[in-house]
Amino acid sequence: MGWTLDVAGHAVSLPGVAALGLGVGWVAGMFGVGGGFLLTPLLTIAFGVPLEIAVGTGLCQMVGTAAAALLGHRSQGQGEVRCDLVLLLPSLLGVEVGAMALARLEDAGSVALGGGHIPLARLVAMLGYAVVLLVAAAMFGRGGRGDLEETVHARRGPLARIVLPPAIDLPAVPLRRVSAPLLAYLGLGLGVLSGFLGIGGGVALMPVLVYGLGFPLRQAAGTGILALCATATMGTLVHARRGHVDLELAMVLLVGSTLAAQLGARATRSASPRVLRRGFAGLILITVTAIGWDLARRARGGF
């Protein structure tokens, strides 16, 4: 009992969860994401935590991690607050939509997969993780060379050229006349991903900011954190109403993640954009590999 934690009938290793919290916190601070793209799948795959508990608890943990990362990035002068404010309200609306979709799938039962069965919610969620992560990895993997990687200035990306009024200026980046409705739709998608997958949405937002809008990589890492804090808080409340938040597990994760998030945010000052980009893509591919292994194991009738 001393080194394990009971989570919905599953014995979870306390040292293992604490180590996972440290890693997730570092990733959150380093890359400006909540770390849910690592935390939620790994809680389910490596520790056997039920998906709905992993989603709700991951969001609860993400509140502290994202808040620590926000402080770290703001202290470094990284991030565009105007973009955060436009993303905020739509992302909160999207959280409820995503949580409702997950609840519907949980009630749908299991489906046959190879020689075994897998809950439909788990299958759709894992495939959802894989799609989101592979798209993000592909964007970072092909993301340009030379001046795109080394510059600290914005380059107007294809999404920034969309004319859908009203438009706002983003002086911290800086970019002029960016479509506010476009940013609002991005926030809505961020919220849906948060409520359904428990990943905060930052892993999808980062490549959109960098390659879609043209944010410098360090500014992109500091942008979206405010919306991420809000969606994580909203998602925690929504999933807590359904009994999907394990506070003891969340507290263990938070011990290391809040400290590591600030260190990770400071590390972006010394790491080159190329290292940041490749490190981010590498973490994504590791996570996708773990998801593929889990689905293959279950298709063979594993548990």
Protein backbone atom coordinates (compact mmCIF):
# COMPACT_ATOMS: atom_id res chain seq x y z
CA MET A 1 0.00 0.00 0.00
CA GLY A 2 2.82 2.39 0.83
CA TRP A 3 4.16 2.47 -2.72
CA THR A 4 0.89 2.04 -4.61
CA LEU A 5 -2.31 3.99 -5.04
CA ASP A 6 -5.72 2.43 -5.61
CA VAL A 7 -7.37 4.02 -8.65
CA ALA A 8 -10.76 2.51 -9.53
CA GLY A 9 -9.57 -0.91 -8.36
CA HIS A 10 -6.16 -0.71 -10.07
CA ALA A 11 -2.91 -0.61 -8.06
CA VAL A 12 -0.85 2.25 -9.47
CA SER A 13 2.86 2.70 -8.67
CA LEU A 14 3.46 5.94 -6.78
CA PRO A 15 7.13 6.32 -7.87
CA GLY A 16 6.13 5.64 -11.47
CA VAL A 17 3.33 8.20 -11.41
CA ALA A 18 5.61 10.77 -9.73
CA ALA A 19 8.23 10.24 -12.44
CA LEU A 20 5.56 10.61 -15.11
CA GLY A 21 4.51 13.90 -13.50
CA LEU A 22 8.09 15.20 -13.69
CA GLY A 23 8.35 14.33 -17.37
CA VAL A 24 4.98 15.80 -18.23
CA GLY A 25 5.79 19.03 -16.38
CA TRP A 26 9.06 19.43 -18.26
CA VAL A 27 7.30 18.87 -21.59
CA ALA A 28 4.55 21.35 -20.65
CA GLY A 29 7.03 24.08 -19.85
CA MET A 30 9.42 23.33 -22.70
CA PHE A 31 6.89 23.20 -25.51
CA GLY A 32 3.96 25.27 -24.22
CA VAL A 33 1.53 22.33 -24.11
CA GLY A 34 -0.32 20.78 -21.20
CA GLY A 35 1.49 17.46 -21.53
CA GLY A 36 -1.83 15.61 -21.72
CA PHE A 37 -0.82 14.02 -25.02
CA LEU A 38 1.73 12.07 -22.97
CA LEU A 39 -0.07 11.84 -19.64
CA THR A 40 -3.51 10.55 -20.59
CA PRO A 41 -2.45 7.72 -22.94
CA LEU A 42 0.41 6.64 -20.64
CA LEU A 43 -1.82 6.56 -17.55
CA THR A 44 -4.11 4.21 -19.47
CA ILE A 45 -1.49 2.10 -21.26
CA ALA A 46 1.34 1.88 -18.72
CA PHE A 47 -0.57 2.12 -15.42
CA GLY A 48 -3.94 0.59 -16.32
CA VAL A 49 -5.99 3.62 -15.27
CA PRO A 50 -9.47 3.54 -16.89
CA LEU A 51 -9.73 5.96 -19.80
CA GLU A 52 -12.38 8.21 -18.29
CA ILE A 53 -10.38 8.52 -15.03
CA ALA A 54 -7.19 9.21 -17.00
CA VAL A 55 -8.93 11.98 -18.97
CA GLY A 56 -10.51 13.68 -15.94
CA THR A 57 -7.48 13.32 -13.67
CA GLY A 58 -5.14 14.40 -16.45
CA LEU A 59 -7.10 17.60 -16.88
CA CYS A 60 -7.06 18.20 -13.12
CA GLN A 61 -3.27 17.78 -13.04
CA MET A 62 -2.98 20.00 -16.09
CA VAL A 63 -4.45 22.98 -14.20
CA GLY A 64 -1.39 23.18 -11.97
CA THR A 65 1.10 22.33 -14.71
CA ALA A 66 -0.32 24.86 -17.16
CA ALA A 67 -0.43 27.56 -14.47
CA ALA A 68 3.24 26.95 -13.64
CA ALA A 69 4.15 26.98 -17.34
CA LEU A 70 2.19 30.21 -17.82
CA LEU A 71 4.18 31.92 -15.08
CA GLY A 72 7.43 30.64 -16.55
CA HIS A 73 6.67 31.87 -20.07
CA ARG A 74 5.34 35.22 -18.89
CA SER A 75 8.52 35.79 -16.87
CA GLN A 76 10.48 35.20 -20.10
CA GLY A 77 8.25 37.60 -22.06
CA GLN A 78 6.93 34.79 -24.28
CA GLY A 79 3.34 34.60 -25.50
CA GLU A 80 0.64 36.68 -27.19
CA VAL A 81 -2.06 37.63 -24.66
CA ARG A 82 -4.53 38.95 -27.27
CA CYS A 83 -4.53 35.59 -29.00
CA ASP A 84 -5.12 33.88 -25.64
CA LEU A 85 -8.15 36.07 -24.93
CA VAL A 86 -9.79 35.32 -28.29
CA LEU A 87 -9.21 31.58 -27.83
CA LEU A 88 -10.59 31.58 -24.28
CA LEU A 89 -14.41 31.57 -24.46
CA PRO A 90 -14.80 29.23 -27.48
CA SER A 91 -12.40 26.76 -25.86
CA LEU A 92 -14.58 26.65 -22.73
CA LEU A 93 -17.65 25.88 -24.85
CA GLY A 94 -15.79 23.13 -26.65
CA VAL A 95 -14.89 21.35 -23.40
CA GLU A 96 -18.52 20.46 -22.69
CA VAL A 97 -19.02 19.20 -26.24
CA GLY A 98 -15.97 16.93 -25.99
CA ALA A 99 -16.94 15.56 -22.56
CA MET A 100 -20.47 14.79 -23.78
CA ALA A 101 -19.08 12.91 -26.80
CA LEU A 102 -16.84 10.81 -24.54
CA ALA A 103 -19.78 9.98 -22.24
CA ARG A 104 -21.89 8.83 -25.21
CA LEU A 105 -19.14 6.52 -26.41
CA GLU A 106 -18.67 5.09 -22.91
CA ASP A 107 -22.33 4.00 -22.99
CA ALA A 108 -21.91 2.33 -26.38
CA GLY A 109 -20.09 -0.74 -25.03
CA SER A 110 -17.28 -2.69 -26.72
CA VAL A 111 -16.43 -3.70 -30.27
CA ALA A 112 -14.60 -6.76 -31.62
CA LEU A 113 -11.01 -6.06 -32.63
CA GLY A 114 -8.97 -8.95 -33.98
CA GLY A 115 -9.17 -11.70 -31.40
CA GLY A 116 -10.30 -9.48 -28.55
CA HIS A 117 -12.74 -6.77 -27.56
CA ILE A 118 -12.07 -3.14 -26.76
CA PRO A 119 -14.40 -0.46 -25.38
CA LEU A 120 -15.56 1.79 -28.19
CA ALA A 121 -14.64 4.90 -26.20
CA ARG A 122 -11.07 3.65 -25.78
CA LEU A 123 -10.74 2.69 -29.45
CA VAL A 124 -12.01 6.06 -30.73
CA ALA A 125 -9.94 7.99 -28.17
CA MET A 126 -6.72 6.13 -28.96
CA LEU A 127 -7.25 6.57 -32.69
CA GLY A 128 -8.03 10.22 -32.03
CA TYR A 129 -4.74 10.61 -30.13
CA ALA A 130 -2.86 8.94 -32.97
CA VAL A 131 -4.40 11.14 -35.69
CA VAL A 132 -3.85 14.41 -33.81
CA LEU A 133 -0.31 13.48 -32.86
CA LEU A 134 0.72 12.20 -36.28
CA VAL A 135 -0.56 15.38 -37.96
CA ALA A 136 1.37 17.48 -35.42
CA ALA A 137 4.52 15.36 -35.88
CA ALA A 138 4.25 15.60 -39.68
CA MET A 139 3.96 19.39 -39.52
CA PHE A 140 6.98 19.69 -37.25
CA GLY A 141 8.90 17.05 -39.14
CA ARG A 142 8.55 18.83 -42.46
CA GLY A 143 8.66 22.32 -40.95
CA GLY A 144 11.06 24.37 -42.92
CA ARG A 145 14.77 24.82 -42.73
CA GLY A 146 17.12 27.65 -42.21
CA ASP A 147 15.46 30.94 -41.51
CA LEU A 148 12.16 29.40 -40.36
CA GLU A 149 13.98 27.50 -37.64
CA GLU A 150 16.41 30.19 -36.61
CA THR A 151 14.34 33.34 -36.87
CA VAL A 152 12.83 35.10 -33.88
CA HIS A 153 10.45 37.06 -36.11
CA ALA A 154 7.00 36.11 -37.34
CA ARG A 155 6.39 34.96 -40.89
CA ARG A 156 2.84 35.32 -42.12
CA GLY A 157 1.52 31.78 -42.56
CA PRO A 158 -1.34 30.61 -44.80
CA LEU A 159 -3.98 30.80 -42.06
CA ALA A 160 -2.93 34.37 -41.26
CA ARG A 161 -3.83 35.33 -44.85
CA ILE A 162 -7.47 34.26 -44.46
CA VAL A 163 -9.72 37.33 -44.67
CA LEU A 164 -12.59 36.72 -42.25
CA PRO A 165 -13.44 39.94 -40.38
CA PRO A 166 -13.11 41.32 -37.84
CA ALA A 167 -9.33 41.22 -37.67
CA ILE A 168 -7.02 41.96 -34.74
CA ASP A 169 -3.35 42.83 -34.43
CA LEU A 170 -1.05 40.59 -32.40
CA PRO A 171 1.75 42.99 -31.39
CA ALA A 172 3.77 40.56 -29.26
CA VAL A 173 4.44 38.25 -32.22
CA PRO A 174 4.08 40.60 -34.20
CA LEU A 175 1.38 39.94 -36.81
CA ARG A 176 -1.16 42.42 -38.15
CA ARG A 177 -4.80 41.86 -39.07
CA VAL A 178 -5.30 38.22 -38.09
CA SER A 179 -8.87 36.94 -38.35
CA ALA A 180 -10.52 36.88 -34.91
CA PRO A 181 -13.21 34.34 -35.99
CA LEU A 182 -10.46 32.00 -37.19
CA LEU A 183 -8.78 32.17 -33.78
CA ALA A 184 -12.17 31.56 -32.14
CA TYR A 185 -12.68 28.39 -34.20
CA LEU A 186 -9.21 27.23 -33.18
CA GLY A 187 -10.22 27.77 -29.56
CA LEU A 188 -13.39 25.72 -30.05
CA GLY A 189 -11.35 22.83 -31.43
CA LEU A 190 -8.91 23.20 -28.53
CA GLY A 191 -11.80 22.80 -26.08
CA VAL A 192 -13.28 19.76 -27.83
CA LEU A 193 -9.91 18.00 -27.75
CA SER A 194 -9.56 18.87 -24.08
CA GLY A 195 -12.98 17.54 -23.08
CA PHE A 196 -12.81 14.39 -25.22
CA LEU A 197 -9.16 13.35 -25.09
CA GLY A 198 -7.91 15.20 -22.01
CA ILE A 199 -4.91 16.52 -23.96
CA GLY A 200 -5.49 20.23 -23.48
CA GLY A 201 -5.19 20.78 -27.23
CA GLY A 202 -1.82 22.48 -27.01
CA VAL A 203 -0.17 19.69 -28.99
CA ALA A 204 -2.50 20.54 -31.89
CA LEU A 205 -2.34 24.29 -31.35
CA MET A 206 1.46 24.56 -31.44
CA PRO A 207 1.95 23.50 -35.09
CA VAL A 208 -1.05 25.58 -36.15
CA LEU A 209 0.48 28.67 -34.54
CA VAL A 210 3.94 28.02 -35.98
CA TYR A 211 3.18 26.76 -39.49
CA GLY A 212 -0.39 27.94 -39.95
CA LEU A 213 -0.16 31.48 -38.58
CA GLY A 214 3.62 31.99 -38.63
CA PHE A 215 4.42 32.49 -34.92
CA PRO A 216 8.07 32.20 -33.89
CA LEU A 217 8.51 28.89 -32.07
CA ARG A 218 9.25 30.40 -28.65
CA GLN A 219 6.28 32.79 -28.89
CA ALA A 220 4.04 29.89 -29.92
CA ALA A 221 5.21 27.95 -26.86
CA GLY A 222 4.09 30.83 -24.62
CA THR A 223 0.78 31.39 -26.42
CA GLY A 224 -2.35 29.40 -25.69
CA ILE A 225 -1.29 28.66 -22.11
CA LEU A 226 -4.02 30.92 -20.66
CA ALA A 227 -6.68 29.15 -22.73
CA LEU A 228 -5.11 25.84 -21.74
CA CYS A 229 -5.43 26.73 -18.04
CA ALA A 230 -9.07 27.67 -18.57
CA THR A 231 -10.00 24.57 -20.57
CA ALA A 232 -8.21 22.32 -18.09
CA THR A 233 -10.13 23.93 -15.21
CA MET A 234 -13.44 23.66 -17.06
CA GLY A 235 -12.69 20.09 -18.12
CA THR A 236 -11.84 19.13 -14.54
CA LEU A 237 -15.19 20.46 -13.31
CA VAL A 238 -17.13 18.75 -16.11
CA HIS A 239 -15.46 15.38 -15.56
CA ALA A 240 -15.63 15.72 -11.75
CA ARG A 241 -19.42 15.88 -12.05
CA ARG A 242 -19.24 12.48 -13.70
CA GLY A 243 -16.90 11.04 -11.03
CA HIS A 244 -13.93 10.88 -13.40
CA VAL A 245 -11.35 12.76 -11.29
CA ASP A 246 -9.09 10.97 -8.80
CA LEU A 247 -7.70 13.73 -6.58
CA GLU A 248 -5.01 11.57 -4.93
CA LEU A 249 -3.61 10.57 -8.31
CA ALA A 250 -3.77 14.19 -9.50
CA MET A 251 -1.87 15.42 -6.42
CA VAL A 252 0.93 12.89 -6.91
CA LEU A 253 1.29 13.97 -10.53
CA LEU A 254 1.27 17.64 -9.54
CA VAL A 255 4.17 17.32 -7.09
CA GLY A 256 6.75 17.03 -9.82
CA SER A 257 4.96 18.56 -12.78
CA THR A 258 4.50 22.06 -11.36
CA LEU A 259 8.21 22.36 -10.52
CA ALA A 260 9.41 20.80 -13.77
CA ALA A 261 7.11 23.03 -15.85
CA GLN A 262 8.92 26.21 -14.79
CA LEU A 263 12.31 24.63 -15.45
CA GLY A 264 11.14 23.50 -18.87
CA ALA A 265 9.88 26.98 -19.72
CA ARG A 266 13.27 28.48 -18.83
CA ALA A 267 15.04 25.85 -20.90
CA THR A 268 13.42 27.22 -24.07
CA ARG A 269 15.74 30.24 -23.77
CA SER A 270 18.87 28.13 -24.28
CA ALA A 271 17.56 25.44 -26.65
CA SER A 272 17.67 26.16 -30.38
CA PRO A 273 14.41 26.11 -32.37
CA ARG A 274 15.72 23.07 -34.27
CA VAL A 275 16.24 21.12 -31.04
CA LEU A 276 12.81 22.17 -29.77
CA ARG A 277 11.12 21.12 -32.99
CA ARG A 278 12.83 17.75 -33.22
CA GLY A 279 12.34 17.01 -29.54
CA PHE A 280 8.64 17.76 -29.78
CA ALA A 281 8.21 15.55 -32.86
CA GLY A 282 10.18 12.76 -31.17
CA LEU A 283 7.96 12.77 -28.09
CA ILE A 284 4.89 12.62 -30.30
CA LEU A 285 6.19 9.62 -32.22
CA ILE A 286 7.04 7.78 -28.99
CA THR A 287 3.48 8.33 -27.76
CA VAL A 288 1.96 7.14 -31.06
CA THR A 289 4.13 4.03 -30.93
CA ALA A 290 2.82 3.25 -27.42
CA ILE A 291 -0.77 3.73 -28.63
CA GLY A 292 -0.20 1.41 -31.60
CA TRP A 293 1.34 -1.23 -29.34
CA ASP A 294 -1.63 -1.05 -26.96
CA LEU A 295 -4.20 -1.46 -29.75
CA ALA A 296 -2.23 -4.35 -31.29
CA ARG A 297 -2.00 -6.08 -27.92
CA ARG A 298 -5.74 -5.80 -27.39
CA ALA A 299 -6.46 -6.99 -30.93
CA ARG A 300 -4.55 -10.18 -30.05
CA GLY A 301 -6.81 -10.64 -27.04
CA GLY A 302 -4.54 -8.98 -24.47
CA PHE A 303 -6.01 -7.19 -21.48
